[in-house]
PDB file of N, CA and C in Angstrom:
ATOM      1  N   MET A   1     -34.157  -8.912 -18.263  1.00  0.00           N
ATOM      2  CA  MET A   1     -32.909  -8.270 -18.610  1.00  0.00           C
ATOM      3  C   MET A   1     -32.318  -8.918 -19.871  1.00  0.00           C
ATOM      4  N   ASP A   2     -31.817  -8.079 -20.743  1.00  0.00           N
ATOM      5  CA  ASP A   2     -31.170  -8.646 -21.909  1.00  0.00           C
ATOM      6  C   ASP A   2     -29.632  -8.736 -21.651  1.00  0.00           C
ATOM      7  N   LYS A   3     -28.934  -9.293 -22.581  1.00  0.00           N
ATOM      8  CA  LYS A   3     -27.528  -9.548 -22.423  1.00  0.00           C
ATOM      9  C   LYS A   3     -26.691  -8.271 -22.272  1.00  0.00           C
ATOM     10  N   ARG A   4     -27.099  -7.220 -22.938  1.00  0.00           N
ATOM     11  CA  ARG A   4     -26.369  -5.935 -22.848  1.00  0.00           C
ATOM     12  C   ARG A   4     -26.435  -5.368 -21.428  1.00  0.00           C
ATOM     13  N   GLU A   5     -27.589  -5.451 -20.819  1.00  0.00           N
ATOM     14  CA  GLU A   5     -27.726  -4.927 -19.472  1.00  0.00           C
ATOM     15  C   GLU A   5     -26.900  -5.731 -18.455  1.00  0.00           C
ATOM     16  N   ILE A   6     -26.887  -7.040 -18.626  1.00  0.00           N
ATOM     17  CA  ILE A   6     -26.083  -7.883 -17.758  1.00  0.00           C
ATOM     18  C   ILE A   6     -24.595  -7.587 -17.956  1.00  0.00           C
ATOM     19  N   LYS A   7     -24.165  -7.468 -19.212  1.00  0.00           N
ATOM     20  CA  LYS A   7     -22.767  -7.141 -19.499  1.00  0.00           C
ATOM     21  C   LYS A   7     -22.412  -5.789 -18.924  1.00  0.00           C
ATOM     22  N   LYS A   8     -23.264  -4.815 -19.052  1.00  0.00           N
ATOM     23  CA  LYS A   8     -23.030  -3.475 -18.524  1.00  0.00           C
ATOM     24  C   LYS A   8     -22.938  -3.512 -17.000  1.00  0.00           C
ATOM     25  N   GLY A   9     -23.750  -4.326 -16.362  1.00  0.00           N
ATOM     26  CA  GLY A   9     -23.693  -4.459 -14.898  1.00  0.00           C
ATOM     27  C   GLY A   9     -22.418  -5.110 -14.426  1.00  0.00           C
ATOM     28  N   ILE A  10     -21.982  -6.112 -15.158  1.00  0.00           N
ATOM     29  CA  ILE A  10     -20.743  -6.783 -14.782  1.00  0.00           C
ATOM     30  C   ILE A  10     -19.561  -5.831 -14.942  1.00  0.00           C
ATOM     31  N   ILE A  11     -19.513  -5.089 -16.025  1.00  0.00           N
ATOM     32  CA  ILE A  11     -18.458  -4.117 -16.243  1.00  0.00           C
ATOM     33  C   ILE A  11     -18.451  -3.060 -15.177  1.00  0.00           C
ATOM     34  N   GLU A  12     -19.614  -2.564 -14.810  1.00  0.00           N
ATOM     35  CA  GLU A  12     -19.700  -1.558 -13.755  1.00  0.00           C
ATOM     36  C   GLU A  12     -19.247  -2.103 -12.430  1.00  0.00           C
ATOM     37  N   PHE A  13     -19.616  -3.345 -12.113  1.00  0.00           N
ATOM     38  CA  PHE A  13     -19.178  -3.984 -10.877  1.00  0.00           C
ATOM     39  C   PHE A  13     -17.653  -4.121 -10.867  1.00  0.00           C
ATOM     40  N   TYR A  14     -17.079  -4.509 -11.997  1.00  0.00           N
ATOM     41  CA  TYR A  14     -15.609  -4.650 -12.076  1.00  0.00           C
ATOM     42  C   TYR A  14     -14.942  -3.315 -11.891  1.00  0.00           C
ATOM     43  N   ARG A  15     -15.468  -2.260 -12.472  1.00  0.00           N
ATOM     44  CA  ARG A  15     -14.885  -0.916 -12.324  1.00  0.00           C
ATOM     45  C   ARG A  15     -14.916  -0.445 -10.875  1.00  0.00           C
ATOM     46  N   LEU A  16     -15.947  -0.797 -10.163  1.00  0.00           N
ATOM     47  CA  LEU A  16     -16.037  -0.395  -8.753  1.00  0.00           C
ATOM     48  C   LEU A  16     -15.111  -1.226  -7.829  1.00  0.00           C
ATOM     49  N   HIS A  17     -14.850  -2.461  -8.207  1.00  0.00           N
ATOM     50  CA  HIS A  17     -14.115  -3.383  -7.339  1.00  0.00           C
ATOM     51  C   HIS A  17     -12.933  -4.041  -8.038  1.00  0.00           C
ATOM     52  N   TYR A  18     -12.258  -3.332  -8.944  1.00  0.00           N
ATOM     53  CA  TYR A  18     -11.205  -3.955  -9.715  1.00  0.00           C
ATOM     54  C   TYR A  18      -9.997  -4.360  -8.886  1.00  0.00           C
ATOM     55  N   GLY A  19      -9.690  -3.637  -7.838  1.00  0.00           N
ATOM     56  CA  GLY A  19      -8.557  -4.000  -6.957  1.00  0.00           C
ATOM     57  C   GLY A  19      -8.810  -5.288  -6.221  1.00  0.00           C
ATOM     58  N   GLU A  20      -9.983  -5.402  -5.659  1.00  0.00           N
ATOM     59  CA  GLU A  20     -10.346  -6.623  -4.902  1.00  0.00           C
ATOM     60  C   GLU A  20     -10.397  -7.828  -5.837  1.00  0.00           C
ATOM     61  N   ILE A  21     -10.976  -7.655  -7.027  1.00  0.00           N
ATOM     62  CA  ILE A  21     -11.117  -8.761  -7.955  1.00  0.00           C
ATOM     63  C   ILE A  21      -9.742  -9.212  -8.465  1.00  0.00           C
ATOM     64  N   ASN A  22      -8.902  -8.276  -8.858  1.00  0.00           N
ATOM     65  CA  ASN A  22      -7.572  -8.605  -9.364  1.00  0.00           C
ATOM     66  C   ASN A  22      -6.721  -9.262  -8.246  1.00  0.00           C
ATOM     67  N   GLY A  23      -6.805  -8.729  -7.022  1.00  0.00           N
ATOM     68  CA  GLY A  23      -6.069  -9.298  -5.919  1.00  0.00           C
ATOM     69  C   GLY A  23      -6.514 -10.721  -5.615  1.00  0.00           C
ATOM     70  N   ALA A  24      -7.816 -10.951  -5.644  1.00  0.00           N
ATOM     71  CA  ALA A  24      -8.329 -12.295  -5.411  1.00  0.00           C
ATOM     72  C   ALA A  24      -7.878 -13.265  -6.488  1.00  0.00           C
ATOM     73  N   LEU A  25      -7.885 -12.855  -7.728  1.00  0.00           N
ATOM     74  CA  LEU A  25      -7.441 -13.704  -8.837  1.00  0.00           C
ATOM     75  C   LEU A  25      -5.954 -14.028  -8.724  1.00  0.00           C
ATOM     76  N   ILE A  26      -5.139 -13.016  -8.403  1.00  0.00           N
ATOM     77  CA  ILE A  26      -3.707 -13.261  -8.208  1.00  0.00           C
ATOM     78  C   ILE A  26      -3.458 -14.213  -7.070  1.00  0.00           C
ATOM     79  N   GLY A  27      -4.181 -14.033  -5.972  1.00  0.00           N
ATOM     80  CA  GLY A  27      -4.074 -14.958  -4.826  1.00  0.00           C
ATOM     81  C   GLY A  27      -4.470 -16.371  -5.195  1.00  0.00           C
ATOM     82  N   LEU A  28      -5.535 -16.502  -5.981  1.00  0.00           N
ATOM     83  CA  LEU A  28      -5.964 -17.816  -6.431  1.00  0.00           C
ATOM     84  C   LEU A  28      -4.920 -18.494  -7.301  1.00  0.00           C
ATOM     85  N   VAL A  29      -4.348 -17.778  -8.211  1.00  0.00           N
ATOM     86  CA  VAL A  29      -3.308 -18.347  -9.098  1.00  0.00           C
ATOM     87  C   VAL A  29      -2.091 -18.765  -8.291  1.00  0.00           C
ATOM     88  N   ILE A  30      -1.665 -17.941  -7.343  1.00  0.00           N
ATOM     89  CA  ILE A  30      -0.518 -18.278  -6.506  1.00  0.00           C
ATOM     90  C   ILE A  30      -0.821 -19.495  -5.645  1.00  0.00           C
ATOM     91  N   ALA A  31      -1.999 -19.567  -5.079  1.00  0.00           N
ATOM     92  CA  ALA A  31      -2.395 -20.739  -4.268  1.00  0.00           C
ATOM     93  C   ALA A  31      -2.396 -22.005  -5.092  1.00  0.00           C
ATOM     94  N   ILE A  32      -2.911 -21.952  -6.282  1.00  0.00           N
ATOM     95  CA  ILE A  32      -2.936 -23.148  -7.132  1.00  0.00           C
ATOM     96  C   ILE A  32      -1.528 -23.547  -7.503  1.00  0.00           C
ATOM     97  N   CYS A  33      -0.652 -22.571  -7.796  1.00  0.00           N
ATOM     98  CA  CYS A  33       0.731 -22.887  -8.113  1.00  0.00           C
ATOM     99  C   CYS A  33       1.424 -23.537  -6.944  1.00  0.00           C
ATOM    100  N   VAL A  34       1.217 -23.032  -5.724  1.00  0.00           N
ATOM    101  CA  VAL A  34       1.851 -23.614  -4.538  1.00  0.00           C
ATOM    102  C   VAL A  34       1.353 -25.051  -4.342  1.00  0.00           C
ATOM    103  N   LEU A  35       0.080 -25.312  -4.552  1.00  0.00           N
ATOM    104  CA  LEU A  35      -0.439 -26.652  -4.361  1.00  0.00           C
ATOM    105  C   LEU A  35       0.019 -27.608  -5.445  1.00  0.00           C
ATOM    106  N   VAL A  36       0.138 -27.151  -6.656  1.00  0.00           N
ATOM    107  CA  VAL A  36       0.475 -28.033  -7.767  1.00  0.00           C
ATOM    108  C   VAL A  36       1.997 -28.176  -7.923  1.00  0.00           C
ATOM    109  N   VAL A  37       2.690 -27.048  -7.891  1.00  0.00           N
ATOM    110  CA  VAL A  37       4.127 -27.061  -8.197  1.00  0.00           C
ATOM    111  C   VAL A  37       4.967 -27.162  -6.936  1.00  0.00           C
ATOM    112  N   GLY A  38       4.614 -26.467  -5.886  1.00  0.00           N
ATOM    113  CA  GLY A  38       5.390 -26.454  -4.665  1.00  0.00           C
ATOM    114  C   GLY A  38       5.757 -25.017  -4.304  1.00  0.00           C
ATOM    115  N   PHE A  39       6.141 -24.802  -3.064  1.00  0.00           N
ATOM    116  CA  PHE A  39       6.397 -23.438  -2.585  1.00  0.00           C
ATOM    117  C   PHE A  39       7.609 -22.799  -3.238  1.00  0.00           C
ATOM    118  N   PHE A  40       8.732 -23.487  -3.205  1.00  0.00           N
ATOM    119  CA  PHE A  40       9.973 -22.884  -3.695  1.00  0.00           C
ATOM    120  C   PHE A  40       9.957 -22.715  -5.229  1.00  0.00           C
ATOM    121  N   GLN A  41       9.350 -23.622  -5.926  1.00  0.00           N
ATOM    122  CA  GLN A  41       9.226 -23.474  -7.367  1.00  0.00           C
ATOM    123  C   GLN A  41       8.335 -22.287  -7.705  1.00  0.00           C
ATOM    124  N   THR A  42       7.254 -22.118  -6.930  1.00  0.00           N
ATOM    125  CA  THR A  42       6.368 -20.976  -7.138  1.00  0.00           C
ATOM    126  C   THR A  42       7.097 -19.689  -6.826  1.00  0.00           C
ATOM    127  N   LEU A  43       7.885 -19.687  -5.756  1.00  0.00           N
ATOM    128  CA  LEU A  43       8.673 -18.498  -5.393  1.00  0.00           C
ATOM    129  C   LEU A  43       9.651 -18.131  -6.519  1.00  0.00           C
ATOM    130  N   PHE A  44      10.283 -19.137  -7.084  1.00  0.00           N
ATOM    131  CA  PHE A  44      11.210 -18.925  -8.210  1.00  0.00           C
ATOM    132  C   PHE A  44      10.445 -18.317  -9.393  1.00  0.00           C
ATOM    133  N   ILE A  45       9.265 -18.828  -9.712  1.00  0.00           N
ATOM    134  CA  ILE A  45       8.472 -18.301 -10.833  1.00  0.00           C
ATOM    135  C   ILE A  45       8.121 -16.847 -10.554  1.00  0.00           C
ATOM    136  N   VAL A  46       7.720 -16.525  -9.349  1.00  0.00           N
ATOM    137  CA  VAL A  46       7.326 -15.159  -8.999  1.00  0.00           C
ATOM    138  C   VAL A  46       8.498 -14.228  -9.150  1.00  0.00           C
ATOM    139  N   ILE A  47       9.684 -14.640  -8.688  1.00  0.00           N
ATOM    140  CA  ILE A  47      10.894 -13.824  -8.817  1.00  0.00           C
ATOM    141  C   ILE A  47      11.240 -13.600 -10.258  1.00  0.00           C
ATOM    142  N   CYS A  48      11.145 -14.629 -11.082  1.00  0.00           N
ATOM    143  CA  CYS A  48      11.432 -14.486 -12.516  1.00  0.00           C
ATOM    144  C   CYS A  48      10.437 -13.533 -13.211  1.00  0.00           C
ATOM    145  N   VAL A  49       9.169 -13.643 -12.826  1.00  0.00           N
ATOM    146  CA  VAL A  49       8.156 -12.783 -13.451  1.00  0.00           C
ATOM    147  C   VAL A  49       8.414 -11.297 -13.071  1.00  0.00           C
ATOM    148  N   PHE A  50       8.702 -11.053 -11.806  1.00  0.00           N
ATOM    149  CA  PHE A  50       8.942  -9.657 -11.399  1.00  0.00           C
ATOM    150  C   PHE A  50      10.237  -9.100 -11.994  1.00  0.00           C
ATOM    151  N   THR A  51      11.262  -9.957 -12.127  1.00  0.00           N
ATOM    152  CA  THR A  51      12.495  -9.528 -12.797  1.00  0.00           C
ATOM    153  C   THR A  51      12.242  -9.208 -14.259  1.00  0.00           C
ATOM    154  N   GLY A  52      11.484 -10.033 -14.923  1.00  0.00           N
ATOM    155  CA  GLY A  52      11.131  -9.771 -16.330  1.00  0.00           C
ATOM    156  C   GLY A  52      10.291  -8.527 -16.481  1.00  0.00           C
ATOM    157  N   TYR A  53       9.367  -8.313 -15.566  1.00  0.00           N
ATOM    158  CA  TYR A  53       8.540  -7.111 -15.581  1.00  0.00           C
ATOM    159  C   TYR A  53       9.409  -5.882 -15.419  1.00  0.00           C
ATOM    160  N   TYR A  54      10.347  -5.944 -14.453  1.00  0.00           N
ATOM    161  CA  TYR A  54      11.203  -4.788 -14.180  1.00  0.00           C
ATOM    162  C   TYR A  54      12.078  -4.435 -15.368  1.00  0.00           C
ATOM    163  N   ILE A  55      12.715  -5.446 -15.964  1.00  0.00           N
ATOM    164  CA  ILE A  55      13.567  -5.220 -17.126  1.00  0.00           C
ATOM    165  C   ILE A  55      12.760  -4.769 -18.304  1.00  0.00           C
ATOM    166  N   GLY A  56      11.582  -5.345 -18.497  1.00  0.00           N
ATOM    167  CA  GLY A  56      10.699  -4.920 -19.598  1.00  0.00           C
ATOM    168  C   GLY A  56      10.209  -3.472 -19.466  1.00  0.00           C
ATOM    169  N   LYS A  57       9.954  -3.086 -18.226  1.00  0.00           N
ATOM    170  CA  LYS A  57       9.538  -1.687 -17.989  1.00  0.00           C
ATOM    171  C   LYS A  57      10.673  -0.716 -18.293  1.00  0.00           C
ATOM    172  N   LYS A  58      11.899  -1.116 -17.876  1.00  0.00           N
ATOM    173  CA  LYS A  58      13.059  -0.267 -18.182  1.00  0.00           C
ATOM    174  C   LYS A  58      13.313  -0.188 -19.674  1.00  0.00           C
ATOM    175  N   VAL A  59      13.178  -1.297 -20.366  1.00  0.00           N
ATOM    176  CA  VAL A  59      13.441  -1.325 -21.805  1.00  0.00           C
ATOM    177  C   VAL A  59      12.397  -0.496 -22.552  1.00  0.00           C
ATOM    178  N   SER A  60      11.165  -0.491 -22.090  1.00  0.00           N
ATOM    179  CA  SER A  60      10.125   0.289 -22.765  1.00  0.00           C
ATOM    180  C   SER A  60      10.367   1.791 -22.573  1.00  0.00           C
ATOM    181  N   LYS A  61      10.996   2.189 -21.461  1.00  0.00           N
ATOM    182  CA  LYS A  61      11.301   3.592 -21.260  1.00  0.00           C
ATOM    183  C   LYS A  61      12.566   4.023 -21.976  1.00  0.00           C
ATOM    184  N   ASP A  62      13.595   3.152 -21.973  1.00  0.00           N
ATOM    185  CA  ASP A  62      14.893   3.462 -22.583  1.00  0.00           C
ATOM    186  C   ASP A  62      15.266   2.301 -23.504  1.00  0.00           C
ATOM    187  N   LYS A  63      15.269   2.547 -24.789  1.00  0.00           N
ATOM    188  CA  LYS A  63      15.503   1.472 -25.748  1.00  0.00           C
ATOM    189  C   LYS A  63      16.919   0.906 -25.634  1.00  0.00           C
ATOM    190  N   ASN A  64      17.868   1.675 -25.126  1.00  0.00           N
ATOM    191  CA  ASN A  64      19.255   1.209 -25.001  1.00  0.00           C
ATOM    192  C   ASN A  64      19.562   0.659 -23.621  1.00  0.00           C
ATOM    193  N   TYR A  65      18.560   0.435 -22.778  1.00  0.00           N
ATOM    194  CA  TYR A  65      18.752  -0.010 -21.417  1.00  0.00           C
ATOM    195  C   TYR A  65      19.468  -1.371 -21.387  1.00  0.00           C
ATOM    196  N   PHE A  66      19.008  -2.300 -22.236  1.00  0.00           N
ATOM    197  CA  PHE A  66      19.578  -3.632 -22.220  1.00  0.00           C
ATOM    198  C   PHE A  66      21.021  -3.621 -22.685  1.00  0.00           C
ATOM    199  N   LYS A  67      21.332  -2.823 -23.704  1.00  0.00           N
ATOM    200  CA  LYS A  67      22.739  -2.699 -24.149  1.00  0.00           C
ATOM    201  C   LYS A  67      23.596  -2.066 -23.072  1.00  0.00           C
ATOM    202  N   ASN A  68      23.082  -1.039 -22.417  1.00  0.00           N
ATOM    203  CA  ASN A  68      23.823  -0.424 -21.303  1.00  0.00           C
ATOM    204  C   ASN A  68      24.053  -1.380 -20.153  1.00  0.00           C
ATOM    205  N   LEU A  69      23.016  -2.184 -19.848  1.00  0.00           N
ATOM    206  CA  LEU A  69      23.123  -3.197 -18.797  1.00  0.00           C
ATOM    207  C   LEU A  69      24.180  -4.213 -19.137  1.00  0.00           C
ATOM    208  N   LEU A  70      24.246  -4.672 -20.379  1.00  0.00           N
ATOM    209  CA  LEU A  70      25.280  -5.608 -20.801  1.00  0.00           C
ATOM    210  C   LEU A  70      26.651  -4.978 -20.759  1.00  0.00           C
ATOM    211  N   ASP A  71      26.748  -3.674 -21.078  1.00  0.00           N
ATOM    212  CA  ASP A  71      28.023  -2.997 -20.993  1.00  0.00           C
ATOM    213  C   ASP A  71      28.504  -2.938 -19.557  1.00  0.00           C
ATOM    214  N   ARG A  72      27.617  -2.798 -18.616  1.00  0.00           N
ATOM    215  CA  ARG A  72      28.022  -2.780 -17.204  1.00  0.00           C
ATOM    216  C   ARG A  72      28.443  -4.148 -16.718  1.00  0.00           C
ATOM    217  N   ILE A  73      27.795  -5.207 -17.224  1.00  0.00           N
ATOM    218  CA  ILE A  73      28.083  -6.564 -16.749  1.00  0.00           C
ATOM    219  C   ILE A  73      29.292  -7.153 -17.493  1.00  0.00           C
ATOM    220  N   LEU A  74      29.272  -7.063 -18.811  1.00  0.00           N
ATOM    221  CA  LEU A  74      30.322  -7.642 -19.664  1.00  0.00           C
ATOM    222  C   LEU A  74      31.312  -6.547 -20.024  1.00  0.00           C
ATOM    223  N   PRO A  75      32.507  -6.902 -20.518  1.00  0.00           N
ATOM    224  CA  PRO A  75      33.411  -5.892 -21.058  1.00  0.00           C
ATOM    225  C   PRO A  75      32.743  -5.179 -22.227  1.00  0.00           C
ATOM    226  N   PRO A  76      32.925  -3.879 -22.353  1.00  0.00           N
ATOM    227  CA  PRO A  76      32.207  -3.112 -23.404  1.00  0.00           C
ATOM    228  C   PRO A  76      32.523  -3.646 -24.811  1.00  0.00           C
ATOM    229  N   GLY A  77      31.477  -3.748 -25.595  1.00  0.00           N
ATOM    230  CA  GLY A  77      31.601  -4.131 -27.008  1.00  0.00           C
ATOM    231  C   GLY A  77      31.655  -5.622 -27.264  1.00  0.00           C
ATOM    232  N   THR A  78      31.529  -6.487 -26.260  1.00  0.00           N
ATOM    233  CA  THR A  78      31.646  -7.917 -26.507  1.00  0.00           C
ATOM    234  C   THR A  78      30.416  -8.517 -27.182  1.00  0.00           C
ATOM    235  N   TYR A  79      29.280  -7.893 -27.029  1.00  0.00           N
ATOM    236  CA  TYR A  79      28.054  -8.483 -27.593  1.00  0.00           C
ATOM    237  C   TYR A  79      27.728  -7.913 -28.982  1.00  0.00           C
ATOM    238  N   ARG A  80      28.480  -6.986 -29.456  1.00  0.00           N
ATOM    239  CA  ARG A  80      28.203  -6.353 -30.780  1.00  0.00           C
ATOM    240  C   ARG A  80      28.919  -7.054 -31.865  1.00  0.00           C
TER     241      ARG A  80
END
């Protein structure tokens, strides 16, 4: 087998099992973080990541989302 065939086989295997592979990698990263950093610190990191993902997703759909969010939290016009 040459390198192209091996690479093609690995890519095909990933396409068939991408959910299992990604889930296992995420579990491995979380387990390492819990062992190295600690449970509550890891929980804080996960919450921050998901909050950032949520806000980033909203900003990518609506460019004025962050300004509107600040208008709801702060008095209007204070950040401009």
